[in-house]
């Protein structure tokens, strides 16, 4: 606690996330034909989260303002992408290695303590 009205804190722990990827490729042939190839992959991942935040009690009342930063690290993954042409024809699936699955989140809030 920095003062009676300000609280600084750190946080950390386990994280879970479900990642989904969709890519659409436009294919143009020499004959002037155009088609789309859509590939999709998804995976549930476990990892860790760490962050820091601050909370302020405003005007000596029960009104509180909060801001927090979190960094999520879900490791790396090798995902199997399916591949479908816009005609509905399925193509051979392919694997893609994703080196880092991370995200950073900043969030704020207002609350009232009774």
PDB file of N, CA and C in Angstrom:
ATOM      1  N   UNK A   1       0.848  -1.162   0.000  1.00  0.00           N
ATOM      2  CA  UNK A   1       0.000   0.000   0.000  1.00  0.00           C
ATOM      3  C   UNK A   1       0.902   1.237   0.000  1.00  0.00           C
ATOM      4  N   UNK A   2       0.708   2.118  -0.951  1.00  0.00           N
ATOM      5  CA  UNK A   2       1.489   3.345  -1.060  1.00  0.00           C
ATOM      6  C   UNK A   2       0.967   4.394  -0.089  1.00  0.00           C
ATOM      7  N   UNK A   3      -0.345   4.498   0.009  1.00  0.00           N
ATOM      8  CA  UNK A   3      -1.005   5.410   0.946  1.00  0.00           C
ATOM      9  C   UNK A   3      -2.341   4.772   1.316  1.00  0.00           C
ATOM     10  N   UNK A   4      -3.081   5.355   2.241  1.00  0.00           N
ATOM     11  CA  UNK A   4      -4.382   4.772   2.584  1.00  0.00           C
ATOM     12  C   UNK A   4      -5.362   4.737   1.404  1.00  0.00           C
ATOM     13  N   UNK A   5      -5.102   5.558   0.362  1.00  0.00           N
ATOM     14  CA  UNK A   5      -6.021   5.606  -0.772  1.00  0.00           C
ATOM     15  C   UNK A   5      -5.471   4.964  -2.046  1.00  0.00           C
ATOM     16  N   UNK A   6      -4.229   4.433  -2.022  1.00  0.00           N
ATOM     17  CA  UNK A   6      -3.607   3.852  -3.217  1.00  0.00           C
ATOM     18  C   UNK A   6      -3.033   2.476  -2.881  1.00  0.00           C
ATOM     19  N   UNK A   7      -3.368   1.501  -3.693  1.00  0.00           N
ATOM     20  CA  UNK A   7      -2.849   0.147  -3.540  1.00  0.00           C
ATOM     21  C   UNK A   7      -2.152  -0.264  -4.832  1.00  0.00           C
ATOM     22  N   UNK A   8      -0.886  -0.656  -4.746  1.00  0.00           N
ATOM     23  CA  UNK A   8      -0.150  -1.220  -5.879  1.00  0.00           C
ATOM     24  C   UNK A   8      -0.023  -2.722  -5.642  1.00  0.00           C
ATOM     25  N   UNK A   9      -0.126  -3.517  -6.714  1.00  0.00           N
ATOM     26  CA  UNK A   9      -0.053  -4.965  -6.527  1.00  0.00           C
ATOM     27  C   UNK A   9       0.525  -5.652  -7.759  1.00  0.00           C
ATOM     28  N   UNK A  10       1.013  -6.848  -7.545  1.00  0.00           N
ATOM     29  CA  UNK A  10       1.462  -7.734  -8.611  1.00  0.00           C
ATOM     30  C   UNK A  10       0.604  -8.979  -8.585  1.00  0.00           C
ATOM     31  N   UNK A  11       0.486  -9.641  -9.718  1.00  0.00           N
ATOM     32  CA  UNK A  11      -0.337 -10.838  -9.801  1.00  0.00           C
ATOM     33  C   UNK A  11       0.313 -11.825 -10.757  1.00  0.00           C
ATOM     34  N   UNK A  12       0.011 -13.086 -10.588  1.00  0.00           N
ATOM     35  CA  UNK A  12       0.560 -14.100 -11.478  1.00  0.00           C
ATOM     36  C   UNK A  12      -0.115 -15.433 -11.229  1.00  0.00           C
ATOM     37  N   UNK A  13       0.027 -16.322 -12.189  1.00  0.00           N
ATOM     38  CA  UNK A  13      -0.556 -17.643 -12.013  1.00  0.00           C
ATOM     39  C   UNK A  13      -0.656 -18.406 -13.319  1.00  0.00           C
ATOM     40  N   UNK A  14      -1.482 -19.422 -13.299  1.00  0.00           N
ATOM     41  CA  UNK A  14      -1.704 -20.265 -14.468  1.00  0.00           C
ATOM     42  C   UNK A  14      -2.667 -19.574 -15.428  1.00  0.00           C
ATOM     43  N   UNK A  15      -2.506 -19.890 -16.717  1.00  0.00           N
ATOM     44  CA  UNK A  15      -3.384 -19.301 -17.739  1.00  0.00           C
ATOM     45  C   UNK A  15      -3.871 -20.390 -18.682  1.00  0.00           C
ATOM     46  N   UNK A  16      -5.059 -20.205 -19.222  1.00  0.00           N
ATOM     47  CA  UNK A  16      -5.626 -21.090 -20.232  1.00  0.00           C
ATOM     48  C   UNK A  16      -6.200 -20.208 -21.320  1.00  0.00           C
ATOM     49  N   UNK A  17      -6.000 -20.610 -22.553  1.00  0.00           N
ATOM     50  CA  UNK A  17      -6.566 -19.856 -23.669  1.00  0.00           C
ATOM     51  C   UNK A  17      -6.901 -20.780 -24.816  1.00  0.00           C
ATOM     52  N   UNK A  18      -7.900 -20.409 -25.577  1.00  0.00           N
ATOM     53  CA  UNK A  18      -8.271 -21.144 -26.782  1.00  0.00           C
ATOM     54  C   UNK A  18      -7.952 -20.233 -27.964  1.00  0.00           C
ATOM     55  N   UNK A  19      -7.007 -20.639 -28.782  1.00  0.00           N
ATOM     56  CA  UNK A  19      -6.586 -19.832 -29.925  1.00  0.00           C
ATOM     57  C   UNK A  19      -7.223 -20.374 -31.189  1.00  0.00           C
ATOM     58  N   UNK A  20      -7.674 -19.461 -32.048  1.00  0.00           N
ATOM     59  CA  UNK A  20      -8.283 -19.827 -33.331  1.00  0.00           C
ATOM     60  C   UNK A  20      -7.653 -18.977 -34.423  1.00  0.00           C
ATOM     61  N   UNK A  21      -7.284 -19.620 -35.519  1.00  0.00           N
ATOM     62  CA  UNK A  21      -6.695 -18.937 -36.660  1.00  0.00           C
ATOM     63  C   UNK A  21      -7.517 -19.253 -37.895  1.00  0.00           C
ATOM     64  N   UNK A  22      -7.763 -18.258 -38.730  1.00  0.00           N
ATOM     65  CA  UNK A  22      -8.403 -18.440 -40.028  1.00  0.00           C
ATOM     66  C   UNK A  22      -7.637 -17.606 -41.039  1.00  0.00           C
ATOM     67  N   UNK A  23      -7.198 -18.235 -42.114  1.00  0.00           N
ATOM     68  CA  UNK A  23      -6.514 -17.542 -43.209  1.00  0.00           C
ATOM     69  C   UNK A  23      -7.287 -17.779 -44.491  1.00  0.00           C
ATOM     70  N   UNK A  24      -7.436 -16.740 -45.295  1.00  0.00           N
ATOM     71  CA  UNK A  24      -8.072 -16.859 -46.602  1.00  0.00           C
ATOM     72  C   UNK A  24      -7.070 -16.436 -47.664  1.00  0.00           C
ATOM     73  N   UNK A  25      -6.844 -17.312 -48.621  1.00  0.00           N
ATOM     74  CA  UNK A  25      -5.917 -17.044 -49.717  1.00  0.00           C
ATOM     75  C   UNK A  25      -6.714 -16.915 -51.006  1.00  0.00           C
ATOM     76  N   UNK A  26      -6.415 -15.906 -51.794  1.00  0.00           N
ATOM     77  CA  UNK A  26      -7.010 -15.754 -53.124  1.00  0.00           C
ATOM     78  C   UNK A  26      -6.052 -16.376 -54.134  1.00  0.00           C
ATOM     79  N   UNK A  27      -6.562 -17.306 -54.943  1.00  0.00           N
ATOM     80  CA  UNK A  27      -5.735 -17.995 -55.926  1.00  0.00           C
ATOM     81  C   UNK A  27      -6.162 -17.529 -57.312  1.00  0.00           C
ATOM     82  N   UNK A  28      -5.215 -16.991 -58.080  1.00  0.00           N
ATOM     83  CA  UNK A  28      -5.459 -16.522 -59.439  1.00  0.00           C
ATOM     84  C   UNK A  28      -4.666 -17.415 -60.390  1.00  0.00           C
ATOM     85  N   UNK A  29      -5.347 -18.042 -61.325  1.00  0.00           N
ATOM     86  CA  UNK A  29      -4.666 -18.921 -62.280  1.00  0.00           C
ATOM     87  C   UNK A  29      -4.351 -18.160 -63.554  1.00  0.00           C
ATOM     88  N   UNK A  30      -3.529 -18.777 -64.388  1.00  0.00           N
ATOM     89  CA  UNK A  30      -3.165 -18.164 -65.670  1.00  0.00           C
ATOM     90  C   UNK A  30      -4.366 -18.059 -66.601  1.00  0.00           C
ATOM     91  N   UNK A  31      -5.385 -18.874 -66.366  1.00  0.00           N
ATOM     92  CA  UNK A  31      -6.589 -18.848 -67.197  1.00  0.00           C
ATOM     93  C   UNK A  31      -7.570 -17.759 -66.760  1.00  0.00           C
ATOM     94  N   UNK A  32      -7.220 -17.042 -65.709  1.00  0.00           N
ATOM     95  CA  UNK A  32      -8.090 -15.962 -65.240  1.00  0.00           C
ATOM     96  C   UNK A  32      -9.101 -16.415 -64.203  1.00  0.00           C
ATOM     97  N   UNK A  33      -9.016 -17.682 -63.781  1.00  0.00           N
ATOM     98  CA  UNK A  33      -9.927 -18.173 -62.742  1.00  0.00           C
ATOM     99  C   UNK A  33      -9.479 -17.661 -61.377  1.00  0.00           C
ATOM    100  N   UNK A  34     -10.434 -17.354 -60.546  1.00  0.00           N
ATOM    101  CA  UNK A  34     -10.161 -16.942 -59.182  1.00  0.00           C
ATOM    102  C   UNK A  34     -10.894 -17.874 -58.239  1.00  0.00           C
ATOM    103  N   UNK A  35     -10.223 -18.288 -57.197  1.00  0.00           N
ATOM    104  CA  UNK A  35     -10.851 -19.115 -56.179  1.00  0.00           C
ATOM    105  C   UNK A  35     -10.238 -18.755 -54.829  1.00  0.00           C
ATOM    106  N   UNK A  36     -10.894 -19.128 -53.774  1.00  0.00           N
ATOM    107  CA  UNK A  36     -10.412 -18.856 -52.424  1.00  0.00           C
ATOM    108  C   UNK A  36     -10.065 -20.159 -51.737  1.00  0.00           C
ATOM    109  N   UNK A  37      -9.024 -20.130 -50.960  1.00  0.00           N
ATOM    110  CA  UNK A  37      -8.634 -21.253 -50.118  1.00  0.00           C
ATOM    111  C   UNK A  37      -8.697 -20.762 -48.675  1.00  0.00           C
ATOM    112  N   UNK A  38      -9.538 -21.398 -47.863  1.00  0.00           N
ATOM    113  CA  UNK A  38      -9.690 -21.016 -46.460  1.00  0.00           C
ATOM    114  C   UNK A  38      -9.065 -22.117 -45.611  1.00  0.00           C
ATOM    115  N   UNK A  39      -8.181 -21.734 -44.706  1.00  0.00           N
ATOM    116  CA  UNK A  39      -7.573 -22.697 -43.793  1.00  0.00           C
ATOM    117  C   UNK A  39      -7.849 -22.257 -42.361  1.00  0.00           C
ATOM    118  N   UNK A  40      -8.129 -23.253 -41.512  1.00  0.00           N
ATOM    119  CA  UNK A  40      -8.482 -22.973 -40.117  1.00  0.00           C
ATOM    120  C   UNK A  40      -7.715 -23.915 -39.189  1.00  0.00           C
ATOM    121  N   UNK A  41      -7.425 -23.426 -37.995  1.00  0.00           N
ATOM    122  CA  UNK A  41      -6.817 -24.245 -36.950  1.00  0.00           C
ATOM    123  C   UNK A  41      -7.213 -23.662 -35.602  1.00  0.00           C
ATOM    124  N   UNK A  42      -7.293 -24.521 -34.598  1.00  0.00           N
ATOM    125  CA  UNK A  42      -7.570 -24.050 -33.245  1.00  0.00           C
ATOM    126  C   UNK A  42      -6.916 -24.996 -32.248  1.00  0.00           C
ATOM    127  N   UNK A  43      -6.690 -24.475 -31.057  1.00  0.00           N
ATOM    128  CA  UNK A  43      -6.033 -25.268 -30.024  1.00  0.00           C
ATOM    129  C   UNK A  43      -6.297 -24.640 -28.668  1.00  0.00           C
ATOM    130  N   UNK A  44      -6.458 -25.468 -27.652  1.00  0.00           N
ATOM    131  CA  UNK A  44      -6.518 -24.988 -26.272  1.00  0.00           C
ATOM    132  C   UNK A  44      -5.116 -25.108 -25.697  1.00  0.00           C
ATOM    133  N   UNK A  45      -4.661 -24.055 -25.032  1.00  0.00           N
ATOM    134  CA  UNK A  45      -3.287 -23.992 -24.553  1.00  0.00           C
ATOM    135  C   UNK A  45      -3.263 -23.594 -23.075  1.00  0.00           C
ATOM    136  N   UNK A  46      -2.313 -24.135 -22.342  1.00  0.00           N
ATOM    137  CA  UNK A  46      -2.065 -23.751 -20.960  1.00  0.00           C
ATOM    138  C   UNK A  46      -0.720 -23.040 -20.885  1.00  0.00           C
ATOM    139  N   UNK A  47      -0.605 -22.089 -19.982  1.00  0.00           N
ATOM    140  CA  UNK A  47       0.636 -21.351 -19.830  1.00  0.00           C
ATOM    141  C   UNK A  47       0.634 -20.585 -18.528  1.00  0.00           C
ATOM    142  N   UNK A  48       1.189 -19.382 -18.567  1.00  0.00           N
ATOM    143  CA  UNK A  48       1.273 -18.562 -17.370  1.00  0.00           C
ATOM    144  C   UNK A  48       0.871 -17.125 -17.671  1.00  0.00           C
ATOM    145  N   UNK A  49       0.542 -16.400 -16.609  1.00  0.00           N
ATOM    146  CA  UNK A  49       0.181 -14.990 -16.710  1.00  0.00           C
ATOM    147  C   UNK A  49       0.834 -14.250 -15.544  1.00  0.00           C
ATOM    148  N   UNK A  50       1.321 -13.041 -15.817  1.00  0.00           N
ATOM    149  CA  UNK A  50       1.894 -12.190 -14.773  1.00  0.00           C
ATOM    150  C   UNK A  50       1.534 -10.744 -15.081  1.00  0.00           C
ATOM    151  N   UNK A  51       1.410  -9.938 -14.048  1.00  0.00           N
ATOM    152  CA  UNK A  51       1.059  -8.546 -14.282  1.00  0.00           C
ATOM    153  C   UNK A  51       1.178  -7.706 -13.034  1.00  0.00           C
ATOM    154  N   UNK A  52       0.740  -6.475 -13.178  1.00  0.00           N
ATOM    155  CA  UNK A  52       0.771  -5.508 -12.081  1.00  0.00           C
ATOM    156  C   UNK A  52      -0.403  -4.556 -12.241  1.00  0.00           C
ATOM    157  N   UNK A  53      -0.775  -3.932 -11.131  1.00  0.00           N
ATOM    158  CA  UNK A  53      -1.887  -3.006 -11.195  1.00  0.00           C
ATOM    159  C   UNK A  53      -1.861  -2.002 -10.063  1.00  0.00           C
ATOM    160  N   UNK A  54      -2.820  -1.102 -10.123  1.00  0.00           N
ATOM    161  CA  UNK A  54      -2.981  -0.088  -9.089  1.00  0.00           C
ATOM    162  C   UNK A  54      -4.470   0.174  -8.892  1.00  0.00           C
ATOM    163  N   UNK A  55      -4.823   0.497  -7.657  1.00  0.00           N
ATOM    164  CA  UNK A  55      -6.213   0.809  -7.332  1.00  0.00           C
ATOM    165  C   UNK A  55      -6.227   2.055  -6.455  1.00  0.00           C
ATOM    166  N   UNK A  56      -7.104   2.999  -6.801  1.00  0.00           N
ATOM    167  CA  UNK A  56      -7.215   4.267  -6.077  1.00  0.00           C
ATOM    168  C   UNK A  56      -8.609   4.397  -5.493  1.00  0.00           C
ATOM    169  N   UNK A  57      -8.662   4.806  -4.234  1.00  0.00           N
ATOM    170  CA  UNK A  57      -9.927   5.151  -3.593  1.00  0.00           C
ATOM    171  C   UNK A  57     -10.134   6.639  -3.814  1.00  0.00           C
ATOM    172  N   UNK A  58     -11.216   6.998  -4.491  1.00  0.00           N
ATOM    173  CA  UNK A  58     -11.431   8.391  -4.892  1.00  0.00           C
ATOM    174  C   UNK A  58     -12.223   9.174  -3.851  1.00  0.00           C
ATOM    175  N   UNK A  59     -11.771  10.372  -3.591  1.00  0.00           N
ATOM    176  CA  UNK A  59     -12.475  11.370  -2.781  1.00  0.00           C
ATOM    177  C   UNK A  59     -12.887  10.872  -1.402  1.00  0.00           C
ATOM    178  N   UNK A  60     -12.152   9.940  -0.838  1.00  0.00           N
ATOM    179  CA  UNK A  60     -12.474   9.449   0.497  1.00  0.00           C
ATOM    180  C   UNK A  60     -13.805   8.721   0.570  1.00  0.00           C
ATOM    181  N   UNK A  61     -14.374   8.352  -0.566  1.00  0.00           N
ATOM    182  CA  UNK A  61     -15.656   7.643  -0.593  1.00  0.00           C
ATOM    183  C   UNK A  61     -15.405   6.158  -0.872  1.00  0.00           C
ATOM    184  N   UNK A  62     -16.434   5.446  -1.181  1.00  0.00           N
ATOM    185  CA  UNK A  62     -16.309   4.034  -1.545  1.00  0.00           C
ATOM    186  C   UNK A  62     -16.030   3.834  -3.020  1.00  0.00           C
ATOM    187  N   UNK A  63     -15.938   4.908  -3.808  1.00  0.00           N
ATOM    188  CA  UNK A  63     -15.683   4.816  -5.245  1.00  0.00           C
ATOM    189  C   UNK A  63     -14.210   4.508  -5.481  1.00  0.00           C
ATOM    190  N   UNK A  64     -13.945   3.479  -6.305  1.00  0.00           N
ATOM    191  CA  UNK A  64     -12.574   3.041  -6.551  1.00  0.00           C
ATOM    192  C   UNK A  64     -12.312   2.940  -8.045  1.00  0.00           C
ATOM    193  N   UNK A  65     -11.101   3.340  -8.453  1.00  0.00           N
ATOM    194  CA  UNK A  65     -10.654   3.287  -9.846  1.00  0.00           C
ATOM    195  C   UNK A  65      -9.481   2.317  -9.915  1.00  0.00           C
ATOM    196  N   UNK A  66      -9.459   1.468 -10.958  1.00  0.00           N
ATOM    197  CA  UNK A  66      -8.437   0.431 -11.058  1.00  0.00           C
ATOM    198  C   UNK A  66      -7.885   0.365 -12.477  1.00  0.00           C
ATOM    199  N   UNK A  67      -6.571   0.094 -12.609  1.00  0.00           N
ATOM    200  CA  UNK A  67      -5.929  -0.167 -13.892  1.00  0.00           C
ATOM    201  C   UNK A  67      -4.975  -1.344 -13.689  1.00  0.00           C
ATOM    202  N   UNK A  68      -4.908  -2.222 -14.703  1.00  0.00           N
ATOM    203  CA  UNK A  68      -4.108  -3.441 -14.567  1.00  0.00           C
ATOM    204  C   UNK A  68      -3.508  -3.822 -15.915  1.00  0.00           C
ATOM    205  N   UNK A  69      -2.271  -4.327 -15.880  1.00  0.00           N
ATOM    206  CA  UNK A  69      -1.592  -4.851 -17.065  1.00  0.00           C
ATOM    207  C   UNK A  69      -1.313  -6.333 -16.833  1.00  0.00           C
ATOM    208  N   UNK A  70      -1.608  -7.179 -17.845  1.00  0.00           N
ATOM    209  CA  UNK A  70      -1.348  -8.619 -17.758  1.00  0.00           C
ATOM    210  C   UNK A  70      -0.630  -9.087 -19.015  1.00  0.00           C
ATOM    211  N   UNK A  71       0.366  -9.944 -18.834  1.00  0.00           N
ATOM    212  CA  UNK A  71       1.060 -10.575 -19.958  1.00  0.00           C
ATOM    213  C   UNK A  71       0.771 -12.072 -19.888  1.00  0.00           C
ATOM    214  N   UNK A  72       0.180 -12.615 -20.969  1.00  0.00           N
ATOM    215  CA  UNK A  72      -0.132 -14.044 -21.069  1.00  0.00           C
ATOM    216  C   UNK A  72       0.883 -14.696 -21.993  1.00  0.00           C
ATOM    217  N   UNK A  73       1.424 -15.838 -21.586  1.00  0.00           N
ATOM    218  CA  UNK A  73       2.332 -16.630 -22.417  1.00  0.00           C
ATOM    219  C   UNK A  73       1.795 -18.052 -22.465  1.00  0.00           C
ATOM    220  N   UNK A  74       1.338 -18.461 -23.649  1.00  0.00           N
ATOM    221  CA  UNK A  74       0.773 -19.796 -23.829  1.00  0.00           C
ATOM    222  C   UNK A  74       1.736 -20.730 -24.559  1.00  0.00           C
ATOM    223  N   UNK A  75       3.015 -20.377 -24.574  1.00  0.00           N
ATOM    224  CA  UNK A  75       4.035 -21.251 -25.147  1.00  0.00           C
ATOM    225  C   UNK A  75       4.041 -21.234 -26.668  1.00  0.00           C
ATOM    226  N   UNK A  76       4.517 -22.323 -27.242  1.00  0.00           N
ATOM    227  CA  UNK A  76       4.533 -22.477 -28.695  1.00  0.00           C
ATOM    228  C   UNK A  76       3.666 -23.676 -29.050  1.00  0.00           C
ATOM    229  N   UNK A  77       3.305 -23.784 -30.319  1.00  0.00           N
ATOM    230  CA  UNK A  77       2.417 -24.874 -30.742  1.00  0.00           C
ATOM    231  C   UNK A  77       2.664 -25.202 -32.196  1.00  0.00           C
ATOM    232  N   UNK A  78       2.365 -26.430 -32.533  1.00  0.00           N
ATOM    233  CA  UNK A  78       2.345 -26.848 -33.926  1.00  0.00           C
ATOM    234  C   UNK A  78       0.887 -27.170 -34.239  1.00  0.00           C
ATOM    235  N   UNK A  79       0.259 -26.343 -35.067  1.00  0.00           N
ATOM    236  CA  UNK A  79      -1.171 -26.487 -35.334  1.00  0.00           C
ATOM    237  C   UNK A  79      -1.408 -27.110 -36.696  1.00  0.00           C
ATOM    238  N   UNK A  80      -2.391 -27.996 -36.758  1.00  0.00           N
ATOM    239  CA  UNK A  80      -2.789 -28.625 -38.016  1.00  0.00           C
ATOM    240  C   UNK A  80      -3.902 -27.790 -38.643  1.00  0.00           C
ATOM    241  N   UNK A  81      -3.615 -27.162 -39.783  1.00  0.00           N
ATOM    242  CA  UNK A  81      -4.590 -26.348 -40.496  1.00  0.00           C
ATOM    243  C   UNK A  81      -5.318 -27.222 -41.514  1.00  0.00           C
ATOM    244  N   UNK A  82      -6.645 -27.117 -41.543  1.00  0.00           N
ATOM    245  CA  UNK A  82      -7.386 -27.746 -42.631  1.00  0.00           C
ATOM    246  C   UNK A  82      -7.381 -26.772 -43.802  1.00  0.00           C
ATOM    247  N   UNK A  83      -7.756 -27.224 -44.971  1.00  0.00           N
ATOM    248  CA  UNK A  83      -7.747 -26.351 -46.150  1.00  0.00           C
ATOM    249  C   UNK A  83      -8.944 -26.718 -47.025  1.00  0.00           C
ATOM    250  N   UNK A  84      -9.785 -25.722 -47.328  1.00  0.00           N
ATOM    251  CA  UNK A  84     -10.985 -25.945 -48.128  1.00  0.00           C
ATOM    252  C   UNK A  84     -11.080 -24.867 -49.202  1.00  0.00           C
ATOM    253  N   UNK A  85     -11.298 -25.291 -50.437  1.00  0.00           N
ATOM    254  CA  UNK A  85     -11.534 -24.338 -51.529  1.00  0.00           C
ATOM    255  C   UNK A  85     -12.966 -23.839 -51.442  1.00  0.00           C
ATOM    256  N   UNK A  86     -13.242 -22.668 -52.045  1.00  0.00           N
ATOM    257  CA  UNK A  86     -14.606 -22.134 -51.987  1.00  0.00           C
ATOM    258  C   UNK A  86     -15.604 -23.029 -52.708  1.00  0.00           C
ATOM    259  N   UNK A  87     -15.146 -23.970 -53.526  1.00  0.00           N
ATOM    260  CA  UNK A  87     -16.038 -24.935 -54.176  1.00  0.00           C
ATOM    261  C   UNK A  87     -16.435 -26.056 -53.217  1.00  0.00           C
ATOM    262  N   UNK A  88     -15.824 -26.092 -52.007  1.00  0.00           N
ATOM    263  CA  UNK A  88     -16.127 -27.128 -51.037  1.00  0.00           C
ATOM    264  C   UNK A  88     -15.122 -28.268 -51.052  1.00  0.00           C
ATOM    265  N   UNK A  89     -14.219 -28.279 -52.028  1.00  0.00           N
ATOM    266  CA  UNK A  89     -13.206 -29.322 -52.148  1.00  0.00           C
ATOM    267  C   UNK A  89     -12.184 -29.188 -51.022  1.00  0.00           C
ATOM    268  N   UNK A  90     -11.974 -30.289 -50.293  1.00  0.00           N
ATOM    269  CA  UNK A  90     -10.987 -30.297 -49.212  1.00  0.00           C
ATOM    270  C   UNK A  90      -9.610 -30.574 -49.792  1.00  0.00           C
ATOM    271  N   UNK A  91      -8.627 -29.811 -49.350  1.00  0.00           N
ATOM    272  CA  UNK A  91      -7.244 -30.009 -49.756  1.00  0.00           C
ATOM    273  C   UNK A  91      -6.482 -30.671 -48.613  1.00  0.00           C
ATOM    274  N   UNK A  92      -5.262 -31.066 -48.895  1.00  0.00           N
ATOM    275  CA  UNK A  92      -4.416 -31.716 -47.896  1.00  0.00           C
ATOM    276  C   UNK A  92      -4.151 -30.762 -46.725  1.00  0.00           C
ATOM    277  N   UNK A  93      -4.397 -31.196 -45.466  1.00  0.00           N
ATOM    278  CA  UNK A  93      -4.082 -30.333 -44.325  1.00  0.00           C
ATOM    279  C   UNK A  93      -2.573 -30.119 -44.209  1.00  0.00           C
ATOM    280  N   UNK A  94      -2.190 -29.051 -43.534  1.00  0.00           N
ATOM    281  CA  UNK A  94      -0.768 -28.772 -43.340  1.00  0.00           C
ATOM    282  C   UNK A  94      -0.532 -28.308 -41.913  1.00  0.00           C
ATOM    283  N   UNK A  95       0.674 -28.544 -41.408  1.00  0.00           N
ATOM    284  CA  UNK A  95       1.064 -28.127 -40.058  1.00  0.00           C
ATOM    285  C   UNK A  95       1.882 -26.852 -40.133  1.00  0.00           C
ATOM    286  N   UNK A  96       1.673 -26.010 -39.141  1.00  0.00           N
ATOM    287  CA  UNK A  96       2.454 -24.784 -39.044  1.00  0.00           C
ATOM    288  C   UNK A  96       2.897 -24.621 -37.592  1.00  0.00           C
ATOM    289  N   UNK A  97       4.188 -24.374 -37.398  1.00  0.00           N
ATOM    290  CA  UNK A  97       4.722 -24.162 -36.055  1.00  0.00           C
ATOM    291  C   UNK A  97       4.602 -22.682 -35.706  1.00  0.00           C
ATOM    292  N   UNK A  98       4.005 -22.396 -34.564  1.00  0.00           N
ATOM    293  CA  UNK A  98       3.876 -21.026 -34.061  1.00  0.00           C
ATOM    294  C   UNK A  98       4.803 -20.884 -32.863  1.00  0.00           C
ATOM    295  N   UNK A  99       5.810 -20.049 -33.019  1.00  0.00           N
ATOM    296  CA  UNK A  99       6.877 -19.941 -32.023  1.00  0.00           C
ATOM    297  C   UNK A  99       6.397 -19.365 -30.695  1.00  0.00           C
ATOM    298  N   UNK A 100       5.598 -18.309 -30.732  1.00  0.00           N
ATOM    299  CA  UNK A 100       5.155 -17.664 -29.493  1.00  0.00           C
ATOM    300  C   UNK A 100       3.672 -17.352 -29.572  1.00  0.00           C
ATOM    301  N   UNK A 101       2.937 -17.820 -28.586  1.00  0.00           N
ATOM    302  CA  UNK A 101       1.528 -17.460 -28.443  1.00  0.00           C
ATOM    303  C   UNK A 101       1.425 -16.601 -27.183  1.00  0.00           C
ATOM    304  N   UNK A 102       1.528 -15.290 -27.365  1.00  0.00           N
ATOM    305  CA  UNK A 102       1.485 -14.362 -26.236  1.00  0.00           C
ATOM    306  C   UNK A 102       0.477 -13.260 -26.532  1.00  0.00           C
ATOM    307  N   UNK A 103       0.004 -12.649 -25.482  1.00  0.00           N
ATOM    308  CA  UNK A 103      -0.840 -11.462 -25.631  1.00  0.00           C
ATOM    309  C   UNK A 103      -0.655 -10.581 -24.402  1.00  0.00           C
ATOM    310  N   UNK A 104      -0.841  -9.297 -24.590  1.00  0.00           N
ATOM    311  CA  UNK A 104      -0.771  -8.321 -23.518  1.00  0.00           C
ATOM    312  C   UNK A 104      -2.126  -7.645 -23.382  1.00  0.00           C
ATOM    313  N   UNK A 105      -2.576  -7.500 -22.145  1.00  0.00           N
ATOM    314  CA  UNK A 105      -3.903  -6.951 -21.871  1.00  0.00           C
ATOM    315  C   UNK A 105      -3.763  -5.806 -20.879  1.00  0.00           C
ATOM    316  N   UNK A 106      -4.399  -4.693 -21.185  1.00  0.00           N
ATOM    317  CA  UNK A 106      -4.523  -3.582 -20.242  1.00  0.00           C
ATOM    318  C   UNK A 106      -6.011  -3.388 -20.015  1.00  0.00           C
ATOM    319  N   UNK A 107      -6.389  -3.360 -18.770  1.00  0.00           N
ATOM    320  CA  UNK A 107      -7.823  -3.164 -18.472  1.00  0.00           C
ATOM    321  C   UNK A 107      -7.979  -2.231 -17.284  1.00  0.00           C
ATOM    322  N   UNK A 108      -9.118  -1.608 -17.255  1.00  0.00           N
ATOM    323  CA  UNK A 108      -9.428  -0.669 -16.191  1.00  0.00           C
ATOM    324  C   UNK A 108     -10.818  -0.944 -15.652  1.00  0.00           C
ATOM    325  N   UNK A 109     -11.111  -0.382 -14.511  1.00  0.00           N
ATOM    326  CA  UNK A 109     -12.416  -0.588 -13.930  1.00  0.00           C
ATOM    327  C   UNK A 109     -12.754   0.465 -12.903  1.00  0.00           C
ATOM    328  N   UNK A 110     -14.036   0.552 -12.640  1.00  0.00           N
ATOM    329  CA  UNK A 110     -14.564   1.434 -11.603  1.00  0.00           C
ATOM    330  C   UNK A 110     -15.465   0.561 -10.741  1.00  0.00           C
ATOM    331  N   UNK A 111     -15.310   0.666  -9.433  1.00  0.00           N
ATOM    332  CA  UNK A 111     -16.157  -0.100  -8.530  1.00  0.00           C
ATOM    333  C   UNK A 111     -16.552   0.764  -7.332  1.00  0.00           C
ATOM    334  N   UNK A 112     -17.507   0.273  -6.582  1.00  0.00           N
ATOM    335  CA  UNK A 112     -17.954   0.981  -5.396  1.00  0.00           C
ATOM    336  C   UNK A 112     -17.965   0.013  -4.235  1.00  0.00           C
ATOM    337  N   UNK A 113     -17.272   0.339  -3.177  1.00  0.00           N
ATOM    338  CA  UNK A 113     -17.199  -0.503  -1.984  1.00  0.00           C
ATOM    339  C   UNK A 113     -18.206   0.023  -0.966  1.00  0.00           C
ATOM    340  N   UNK A 114     -19.151  -0.833  -0.588  1.00  0.00           N
ATOM    341  CA  UNK A 114     -20.174  -0.454   0.378  1.00  0.00           C
ATOM    342  C   UNK A 114     -19.675  -0.579   1.801  1.00  0.00           C
TER     343      UNK A 114
END
